[in-house]
Amino acid sequence: MKKVNHNKTSALRPEYDFAAMKGGVRGKYVKRLREGTNIVLLHPEIAEAFPTEGAVNEALRGILNTTRAVRRTGGLPENAIERTAGAKRNR
């Protein structure tokens, strides 16, 4: 008996009639997928500084808290940050 050579490039058979299928909803789970996925790619030198997911989250929370504190107080006064010697020479 001769073996049948199945087309391995497509898992769908040509005889499926999708128009006749009932109950199928396009994109049924896409909202749930997007809510649970948030992937960010880091440059290698940044990834070295943050060895774990928790370290990245902790650093970002710190930045957010600082930003919120500055916004709440109306920003920093003009003389709050002194220029360094190098910055003064470059002006």
N, C-alpha and C. Protein backbone atom coordinates (compact mmCIF):
# COMPACT_ATOMS: atom_id res chain seq x y z
N MET A 1 0.84 -1.18 0.00
CA MET A 1 0.00 0.00 0.00
C MET A 1 0.89 1.25 0.00
N LYS A 2 0.55 2.18 -0.83
CA LYS A 2 1.33 3.39 -0.99
C LYS A 2 0.90 4.43 0.07
N LYS A 3 1.89 5.11 0.68
CA LYS A 3 1.58 6.15 1.66
C LYS A 3 1.12 7.41 0.94
N VAL A 4 0.18 8.09 1.57
CA VAL A 4 -0.34 9.33 1.02
C VAL A 4 0.57 10.47 1.49
N ASN A 5 0.99 11.30 0.59
CA ASN A 5 1.84 12.43 0.93
C ASN A 5 0.95 13.60 1.34
N HIS A 6 0.92 13.91 2.65
CA HIS A 6 0.10 15.01 3.16
C HIS A 6 0.87 16.32 3.04
N ASN A 7 0.17 17.35 2.70
CA ASN A 7 0.76 18.68 2.59
C ASN A 7 1.02 19.20 4.00
N LYS A 8 2.27 19.34 4.39
CA LYS A 8 2.62 19.75 5.75
C LYS A 8 2.65 21.27 5.91
N THR A 9 2.51 22.03 4.83
CA THR A 9 2.56 23.48 4.92
C THR A 9 1.27 24.06 5.46
N SER A 10 0.15 23.36 5.31
CA SER A 10 -1.13 23.88 5.76
C SER A 10 -1.84 22.82 6.59
N ALA A 11 -2.26 23.20 7.79
CA ALA A 11 -2.97 22.27 8.65
C ALA A 11 -4.45 22.23 8.30
N LEU A 12 -4.94 23.17 7.51
CA LEU A 12 -6.35 23.22 7.15
C LEU A 12 -6.60 22.45 5.85
N ARG A 13 -7.64 21.72 5.85
CA ARG A 13 -8.01 21.00 4.64
C ARG A 13 -8.83 21.92 3.74
N PRO A 14 -8.76 21.76 2.45
CA PRO A 14 -9.49 22.65 1.54
C PRO A 14 -11.01 22.45 1.61
N GLU A 15 -11.47 21.35 2.19
CA GLU A 15 -12.92 21.11 2.18
C GLU A 15 -13.67 21.73 3.36
N TYR A 16 -12.97 22.45 4.25
CA TYR A 16 -13.67 23.12 5.35
C TYR A 16 -14.54 24.24 4.78
N ASP A 17 -15.76 24.32 5.26
CA ASP A 17 -16.68 25.38 4.83
C ASP A 17 -16.93 26.29 6.03
N PHE A 18 -16.15 27.36 6.13
CA PHE A 18 -16.26 28.24 7.29
C PHE A 18 -17.56 29.02 7.30
N ALA A 19 -18.16 29.25 6.16
CA ALA A 19 -19.43 29.97 6.10
C ALA A 19 -20.55 29.17 6.76
N ALA A 20 -20.46 27.85 6.72
CA ALA A 20 -21.50 27.01 7.30
C ALA A 20 -21.34 26.80 8.80
N MET A 21 -20.16 27.14 9.35
CA MET A 21 -19.92 26.94 10.79
C MET A 21 -20.65 28.01 11.57
N LYS A 22 -21.28 27.60 12.66
CA LYS A 22 -22.04 28.54 13.49
C LYS A 22 -21.30 28.77 14.81
N GLY A 23 -21.45 29.96 15.35
CA GLY A 23 -20.89 30.27 16.65
C GLY A 23 -19.47 30.79 16.64
N GLY A 24 -18.85 30.81 15.52
CA GLY A 24 -17.48 31.32 15.44
C GLY A 24 -17.47 32.84 15.49
N VAL A 25 -16.62 33.39 16.32
CA VAL A 25 -16.51 34.84 16.45
C VAL A 25 -15.07 35.22 16.17
N ARG A 26 -14.86 36.10 15.23
CA ARG A 26 -13.51 36.53 14.88
C ARG A 26 -12.97 37.42 15.99
N GLY A 27 -11.76 37.13 16.45
CA GLY A 27 -11.12 37.95 17.47
C GLY A 27 -11.74 37.82 18.85
N LYS A 28 -12.30 36.68 19.15
CA LYS A 28 -13.04 36.48 20.40
C LYS A 28 -12.16 36.73 21.63
N TYR A 29 -10.92 36.35 21.59
CA TYR A 29 -10.04 36.45 22.76
C TYR A 29 -8.97 37.52 22.62
N VAL A 30 -9.03 38.33 21.59
CA VAL A 30 -7.97 39.29 21.33
C VAL A 30 -7.86 40.35 22.45
N LYS A 31 -8.97 40.78 23.00
CA LYS A 31 -8.93 41.79 24.07
C LYS A 31 -8.23 41.24 25.30
N ARG A 32 -8.56 40.01 25.66
CA ARG A 32 -7.95 39.38 26.83
C ARG A 32 -6.45 39.18 26.59
N LEU A 33 -6.08 38.82 25.39
CA LEU A 33 -4.68 38.63 25.06
C LEU A 33 -3.91 39.93 25.18
N ARG A 34 -4.46 41.00 24.64
CA ARG A 34 -3.77 42.30 24.69
C ARG A 34 -3.65 42.84 26.10
N GLU A 35 -4.63 42.58 26.95
CA GLU A 35 -4.56 43.05 28.34
C GLU A 35 -3.47 42.34 29.12
N GLY A 36 -3.25 41.08 28.81
CA GLY A 36 -2.29 40.29 29.55
C GLY A 36 -0.89 40.30 28.98
N THR A 37 -0.65 41.03 27.90
CA THR A 37 0.65 41.02 27.26
C THR A 37 1.17 42.45 27.15
N ASN A 38 2.35 42.66 27.69
CA ASN A 38 3.00 43.95 27.57
C ASN A 38 4.50 43.70 27.54
N ILE A 39 5.02 43.46 26.37
CA ILE A 39 6.41 43.13 26.21
C ILE A 39 7.18 44.36 25.77
N VAL A 40 8.29 44.60 26.45
CA VAL A 40 9.15 45.73 26.11
C VAL A 40 10.55 45.18 25.90
N LEU A 41 11.18 45.54 24.80
CA LEU A 41 12.55 45.11 24.53
C LEU A 41 13.53 46.16 25.03
N LEU A 42 14.50 45.70 25.80
CA LEU A 42 15.50 46.60 26.36
C LEU A 42 16.81 46.45 25.59
N HIS A 43 17.56 47.53 25.51
CA HIS A 43 18.90 47.45 24.93
C HIS A 43 19.76 46.60 25.85
N PRO A 44 20.75 45.91 25.31
CA PRO A 44 21.56 45.00 26.13
C PRO A 44 22.20 45.66 27.36
N GLU A 45 22.70 46.87 27.21
CA GLU A 45 23.34 47.53 28.37
C GLU A 45 22.32 47.87 29.46
N ILE A 46 21.09 48.15 29.09
CA ILE A 46 20.03 48.40 30.08
C ILE A 46 19.63 47.09 30.75
N ALA A 47 19.52 46.03 29.97
CA ALA A 47 19.13 44.72 30.51
C ALA A 47 20.16 44.22 31.53
N GLU A 48 21.43 44.54 31.33
CA GLU A 48 22.47 44.14 32.29
C GLU A 48 22.27 44.81 33.64
N ALA A 49 21.78 46.04 33.64
CA ALA A 49 21.59 46.77 34.89
C ALA A 49 20.39 46.26 35.67
N PHE A 50 19.45 45.62 34.99
CA PHE A 50 18.24 45.12 35.63
C PHE A 50 18.14 43.62 35.38
N PRO A 51 18.66 42.82 36.31
CA PRO A 51 18.72 41.38 36.07
C PRO A 51 17.37 40.67 36.13
N THR A 52 16.39 41.27 36.78
CA THR A 52 15.09 40.59 36.91
C THR A 52 13.96 41.53 36.51
N GLU A 53 12.80 40.95 36.27
CA GLU A 53 11.60 41.72 35.97
C GLU A 53 11.24 42.63 37.15
N GLY A 54 11.42 42.12 38.36
CA GLY A 54 11.11 42.91 39.55
C GLY A 54 11.98 44.14 39.67
N ALA A 55 13.25 44.02 39.29
CA ALA A 55 14.17 45.16 39.35
C ALA A 55 13.73 46.26 38.40
N VAL A 56 13.30 45.88 37.22
CA VAL A 56 12.81 46.86 36.24
C VAL A 56 11.56 47.56 36.78
N ASN A 57 10.63 46.78 37.30
CA ASN A 57 9.39 47.36 37.83
C ASN A 57 9.67 48.29 39.00
N GLU A 58 10.58 47.91 39.89
CA GLU A 58 10.91 48.76 41.04
C GLU A 58 11.50 50.09 40.58
N ALA A 59 12.39 50.06 39.60
CA ALA A 59 12.99 51.29 39.10
C ALA A 59 11.94 52.19 38.44
N LEU A 60 11.06 51.59 37.66
CA LEU A 60 10.02 52.38 37.00
C LEU A 60 9.03 52.97 38.00
N ARG A 61 8.71 52.21 39.05
CA ARG A 61 7.82 52.75 40.10
C ARG A 61 8.47 53.95 40.78
N GLY A 62 9.78 53.87 41.02
CA GLY A 62 10.49 54.99 41.64
C GLY A 62 10.43 56.24 40.77
N ILE A 63 10.60 56.07 39.48
CA ILE A 63 10.52 57.20 38.55
C ILE A 63 9.12 57.79 38.55
N LEU A 64 8.11 56.92 38.53
CA LEU A 64 6.72 57.40 38.55
C LEU A 64 6.42 58.17 39.83
N ASN A 65 6.86 57.64 40.96
CA ASN A 65 6.62 58.34 42.23
C ASN A 65 7.30 59.69 42.26
N THR A 66 8.51 59.78 41.74
CA THR A 66 9.22 61.06 41.68
C THR A 66 8.48 62.04 40.78
N THR A 67 8.03 61.56 39.64
CA THR A 67 7.30 62.41 38.70
C THR A 67 6.01 62.94 39.33
N ARG A 68 5.30 62.06 40.01
CA ARG A 68 4.05 62.48 40.67
C ARG A 68 4.31 63.51 41.75
N ALA A 69 5.38 63.32 42.53
CA ALA A 69 5.70 64.26 43.60
C ALA A 69 6.05 65.63 43.03
N VAL A 70 6.81 65.66 41.93
CA VAL A 70 7.18 66.93 41.32
C VAL A 70 5.94 67.62 40.75
N ARG A 71 5.05 66.87 40.13
CA ARG A 71 3.83 67.47 39.58
C ARG A 71 2.93 68.01 40.67
N ARG A 72 2.85 67.29 41.79
CA ARG A 72 1.99 67.73 42.89
C ARG A 72 2.45 69.05 43.48
N THR A 73 3.76 69.22 43.57
CA THR A 73 4.29 70.43 44.19
C THR A 73 4.42 71.57 43.19
N GLY A 74 4.12 71.32 41.94
CA GLY A 74 4.18 72.39 40.94
C GLY A 74 5.55 72.51 40.31
N GLY A 75 6.39 71.52 40.46
CA GLY A 75 7.71 71.55 39.83
C GLY A 75 8.78 71.99 40.79
N LEU A 76 9.98 72.03 40.30
CA LEU A 76 11.11 72.45 41.12
C LEU A 76 11.35 73.94 40.96
N PRO A 77 11.76 74.60 42.04
CA PRO A 77 12.12 76.02 41.89
C PRO A 77 13.35 76.15 41.00
N GLU A 78 13.55 77.31 40.43
CA GLU A 78 14.61 77.54 39.46
C GLU A 78 15.99 77.24 40.03
N ASN A 79 16.22 77.54 41.31
CA ASN A 79 17.55 77.36 41.90
C ASN A 79 17.67 76.02 42.64
N ALA A 80 16.76 75.10 42.44
CA ALA A 80 16.81 73.83 43.17
C ALA A 80 17.94 72.94 42.69
N ILE A 81 18.28 73.03 41.44
CA ILE A 81 19.35 72.20 40.90
C ILE A 81 20.50 73.12 40.51
N GLU A 82 21.62 72.94 41.18
CA GLU A 82 22.79 73.76 40.87
C GLU A 82 23.55 73.13 39.73
N ARG A 83 24.12 73.95 38.90
CA ARG A 83 24.91 73.45 37.80
C ARG A 83 26.25 72.94 38.32
N THR A 84 26.73 71.88 37.69
CA THR A 84 28.04 71.37 38.07
C THR A 84 29.12 72.23 37.43
N ALA A 85 30.34 72.04 37.88
CA ALA A 85 31.45 72.83 37.34
C ALA A 85 31.60 72.61 35.85
N GLY A 86 31.44 71.36 35.39
CA GLY A 86 31.56 71.05 33.96
C GLY A 86 30.48 71.73 33.14
N ALA A 87 29.26 71.78 33.68
CA ALA A 87 28.16 72.40 32.96
C ALA A 87 28.34 73.91 32.89
N LYS A 88 28.93 74.48 33.95
CA LYS A 88 29.15 75.94 33.94
C LYS A 88 30.21 76.32 32.89
N ARG A 89 31.26 75.46 32.74
CA ARG A 89 32.31 75.75 31.78
C ARG A 89 31.81 75.62 30.36
N ASN A 90 30.88 74.69 30.10
CA ASN A 90 30.39 74.45 28.75
C ASN A 90 29.44 75.52 28.26
N ARG A 91 28.95 76.36 29.09
CA ARG A 91 28.01 77.42 28.69
C ARG A 91 28.70 78.48 28.01
